[in-house]
Amino acid sequence: MYIRLLCVRIRTSVNRNQLSELKGKIRVFVAKIQGMLISLDKKKKAYCHKRQQAFLLRNFTS
């Protein structure tokens, strides 16, 4: 009985460790995705800004 309890306890502790590792990996993954999205957004904004400037230059200098 006592040995079985010990095994269960060990198993749950292993599961907890795996869960915390998994949570850490998921957090890193989510952070990477957020970083990608932010950099994409910045690139898009810069691109739109450049296009807008080119458009304004073309229309008001000619």
N, C-alpha and C. Protein backbone atom coordinates (compact mmCIF):
# COMPACT_ATOMS: atom_id res chain seq x y z
N MET A 1 0.84 -1.21 0.00
CA MET A 1 0.00 0.00 0.00
C MET A 1 0.88 1.26 0.00
N TYR A 2 1.84 1.28 0.89
CA TYR A 2 2.71 2.46 1.01
C TYR A 2 3.53 2.67 -0.27
N ILE A 3 4.03 1.55 -0.84
CA ILE A 3 4.83 1.63 -2.08
C ILE A 3 3.98 2.18 -3.21
N ARG A 4 2.73 1.71 -3.30
CA ARG A 4 1.84 2.18 -4.35
C ARG A 4 1.63 3.69 -4.21
N LEU A 5 1.44 4.16 -3.00
CA LEU A 5 1.25 5.59 -2.74
C LEU A 5 2.48 6.38 -3.19
N LEU A 6 3.65 5.83 -2.89
CA LEU A 6 4.91 6.47 -3.27
C LEU A 6 5.01 6.59 -4.79
N CYS A 7 4.66 5.50 -5.49
CA CYS A 7 4.71 5.50 -6.96
C CYS A 7 3.77 6.56 -7.52
N VAL A 8 2.58 6.63 -6.96
CA VAL A 8 1.60 7.62 -7.41
C VAL A 8 2.16 9.02 -7.20
N ARG A 9 2.76 9.22 -6.03
CA ARG A 9 3.33 10.53 -5.71
C ARG A 9 4.44 10.90 -6.71
N ILE A 10 5.31 9.94 -7.01
CA ILE A 10 6.40 10.17 -7.96
C ILE A 10 5.83 10.49 -9.33
N ARG A 11 4.83 9.71 -9.75
CA ARG A 11 4.23 9.92 -11.05
C ARG A 11 3.63 11.32 -11.16
N THR A 12 2.91 11.75 -10.13
CA THR A 12 2.29 13.08 -10.19
C THR A 12 3.35 14.17 -10.20
N SER A 13 4.44 13.97 -9.47
CA SER A 13 5.50 14.99 -9.46
C SER A 13 6.15 15.08 -10.83
N VAL A 14 6.35 13.94 -11.48
CA VAL A 14 6.92 13.93 -12.84
C VAL A 14 5.97 14.66 -13.77
N ASN A 15 4.68 14.36 -13.65
CA ASN A 15 3.69 15.03 -14.49
C ASN A 15 3.71 16.53 -14.28
N ARG A 16 3.84 16.93 -13.02
CA ARG A 16 3.89 18.37 -12.72
C ARG A 16 5.11 19.01 -13.37
N ASN A 17 6.24 18.34 -13.28
CA ASN A 17 7.47 18.87 -13.90
C ASN A 17 7.30 18.98 -15.40
N GLN A 18 6.73 17.94 -16.01
CA GLN A 18 6.51 17.97 -17.46
C GLN A 18 5.55 19.10 -17.82
N LEU A 19 4.52 19.27 -17.00
CA LEU A 19 3.55 20.34 -17.24
C LEU A 19 4.22 21.70 -17.18
N SER A 20 5.06 21.90 -16.17
CA SER A 20 5.73 23.21 -16.06
C SER A 20 6.68 23.43 -17.24
N GLU A 21 7.36 22.36 -17.68
CA GLU A 21 8.23 22.47 -18.86
C GLU A 21 7.41 22.84 -20.08
N LEU A 22 6.28 22.16 -20.23
CA LEU A 22 5.40 22.40 -21.36
C LEU A 22 4.89 23.84 -21.33
N LYS A 23 4.50 24.30 -20.14
CA LYS A 23 4.04 25.68 -20.00
C LYS A 23 5.13 26.66 -20.41
N GLY A 24 6.35 26.37 -19.99
CA GLY A 24 7.48 27.22 -20.35
C GLY A 24 7.69 27.26 -21.86
N LYS A 25 7.62 26.07 -22.49
CA LYS A 25 7.79 25.99 -23.94
C LYS A 25 6.68 26.76 -24.65
N ILE A 26 5.45 26.59 -24.15
CA ILE A 26 4.31 27.28 -24.77
C ILE A 26 4.50 28.79 -24.63
N ARG A 27 4.94 29.24 -23.45
CA ARG A 27 5.17 30.68 -23.24
C ARG A 27 6.20 31.22 -24.23
N VAL A 28 7.30 30.47 -24.40
CA VAL A 28 8.36 30.89 -25.33
C VAL A 28 7.80 30.97 -26.74
N PHE A 29 7.01 29.94 -27.12
CA PHE A 29 6.40 29.88 -28.45
C PHE A 29 5.49 31.08 -28.68
N VAL A 30 4.64 31.36 -27.69
CA VAL A 30 3.71 32.49 -27.80
C VAL A 30 4.48 33.80 -27.90
N ALA A 31 5.54 33.93 -27.11
CA ALA A 31 6.36 35.15 -27.15
C ALA A 31 6.99 35.32 -28.53
N LYS A 32 7.47 34.21 -29.11
CA LYS A 32 8.06 34.27 -30.46
C LYS A 32 7.03 34.73 -31.47
N ILE A 33 5.82 34.16 -31.39
CA ILE A 33 4.76 34.53 -32.33
C ILE A 33 4.41 36.00 -32.18
N GLN A 34 4.29 36.45 -30.92
CA GLN A 34 3.98 37.87 -30.68
C GLN A 34 5.08 38.76 -31.24
N GLY A 35 6.33 38.36 -31.06
CA GLY A 35 7.46 39.12 -31.60
C GLY A 35 7.40 39.20 -33.11
N MET A 36 7.09 38.06 -33.76
CA MET A 36 6.96 38.03 -35.21
C MET A 36 5.86 38.98 -35.67
N LEU A 37 4.72 38.91 -34.98
CA LEU A 37 3.58 39.75 -35.36
C LEU A 37 3.94 41.23 -35.21
N ILE A 38 4.62 41.56 -34.12
CA ILE A 38 5.01 42.96 -33.88
C ILE A 38 5.96 43.43 -34.97
N SER A 39 6.96 42.59 -35.32
CA SER A 39 7.93 43.00 -36.35
C SER A 39 7.24 43.12 -37.71
N LEU A 40 6.30 42.21 -37.99
CA LEU A 40 5.54 42.30 -39.25
C LEU A 40 4.75 43.59 -39.29
N ASP A 41 4.13 43.93 -38.17
CA ASP A 41 3.33 45.15 -38.08
C ASP A 41 4.22 46.37 -38.33
N LYS A 42 5.42 46.37 -37.73
CA LYS A 42 6.35 47.49 -37.92
C LYS A 42 6.76 47.62 -39.38
N LYS A 43 7.07 46.47 -40.01
CA LYS A 43 7.47 46.48 -41.42
C LYS A 43 6.34 47.01 -42.28
N LYS A 44 5.13 46.55 -41.99
CA LYS A 44 3.96 46.98 -42.75
C LYS A 44 3.76 48.48 -42.62
N LYS A 45 3.89 48.98 -41.39
CA LYS A 45 3.72 50.42 -41.15
C LYS A 45 4.77 51.22 -41.91
N ALA A 46 6.01 50.75 -41.85
CA ALA A 46 7.11 51.44 -42.54
C ALA A 46 6.86 51.44 -44.04
N TYR A 47 6.42 50.30 -44.57
CA TYR A 47 6.15 50.17 -46.00
C TYR A 47 5.02 51.11 -46.41
N CYS A 48 3.94 51.14 -45.62
CA CYS A 48 2.81 52.02 -45.92
C CYS A 48 3.24 53.48 -45.86
N HIS A 49 4.08 53.80 -44.89
CA HIS A 49 4.56 55.16 -44.73
C HIS A 49 5.37 55.58 -45.96
N LYS A 50 6.27 54.70 -46.41
CA LYS A 50 7.08 54.99 -47.59
C LYS A 50 6.20 55.19 -48.82
N ARG A 51 5.21 54.32 -48.99
CA ARG A 51 4.31 54.43 -50.14
C ARG A 51 3.54 55.74 -50.09
N GLN A 52 3.10 56.10 -48.89
CA GLN A 52 2.34 57.34 -48.72
C GLN A 52 3.20 58.54 -49.08
N GLN A 53 4.44 58.53 -48.61
CA GLN A 53 5.36 59.63 -48.91
C GLN A 53 5.61 59.73 -50.41
N ALA A 54 5.82 58.59 -51.06
CA ALA A 54 6.06 58.57 -52.51
C ALA A 54 4.84 59.12 -53.24
N PHE A 55 3.66 58.72 -52.78
CA PHE A 55 2.40 59.17 -53.39
C PHE A 55 2.27 60.69 -53.26
N LEU A 56 2.55 61.20 -52.06
CA LEU A 56 2.45 62.64 -51.82
C LEU A 56 3.46 63.40 -52.67
N LEU A 57 4.69 62.89 -52.73
CA LEU A 57 5.73 63.54 -53.54
C LEU A 57 5.33 63.59 -55.01
N ARG A 58 4.83 62.49 -55.53
CA ARG A 58 4.43 62.43 -56.94
C ARG A 58 3.30 63.41 -57.23
N ASN A 59 2.32 63.46 -56.34
CA ASN A 59 1.13 64.27 -56.62
C ASN A 59 1.35 65.76 -56.41
N PHE A 60 2.22 66.12 -55.49
CA PHE A 60 2.35 67.54 -55.18
C PHE A 60 3.58 68.20 -55.81
N THR A 61 4.47 67.40 -56.39
CA THR A 61 5.65 68.01 -57.02
C THR A 61 5.46 68.17 -58.52
N SER A 62 4.58 67.38 -59.12
CA SER A 62 4.39 67.46 -60.57
C SER A 62 3.55 68.67 -60.96
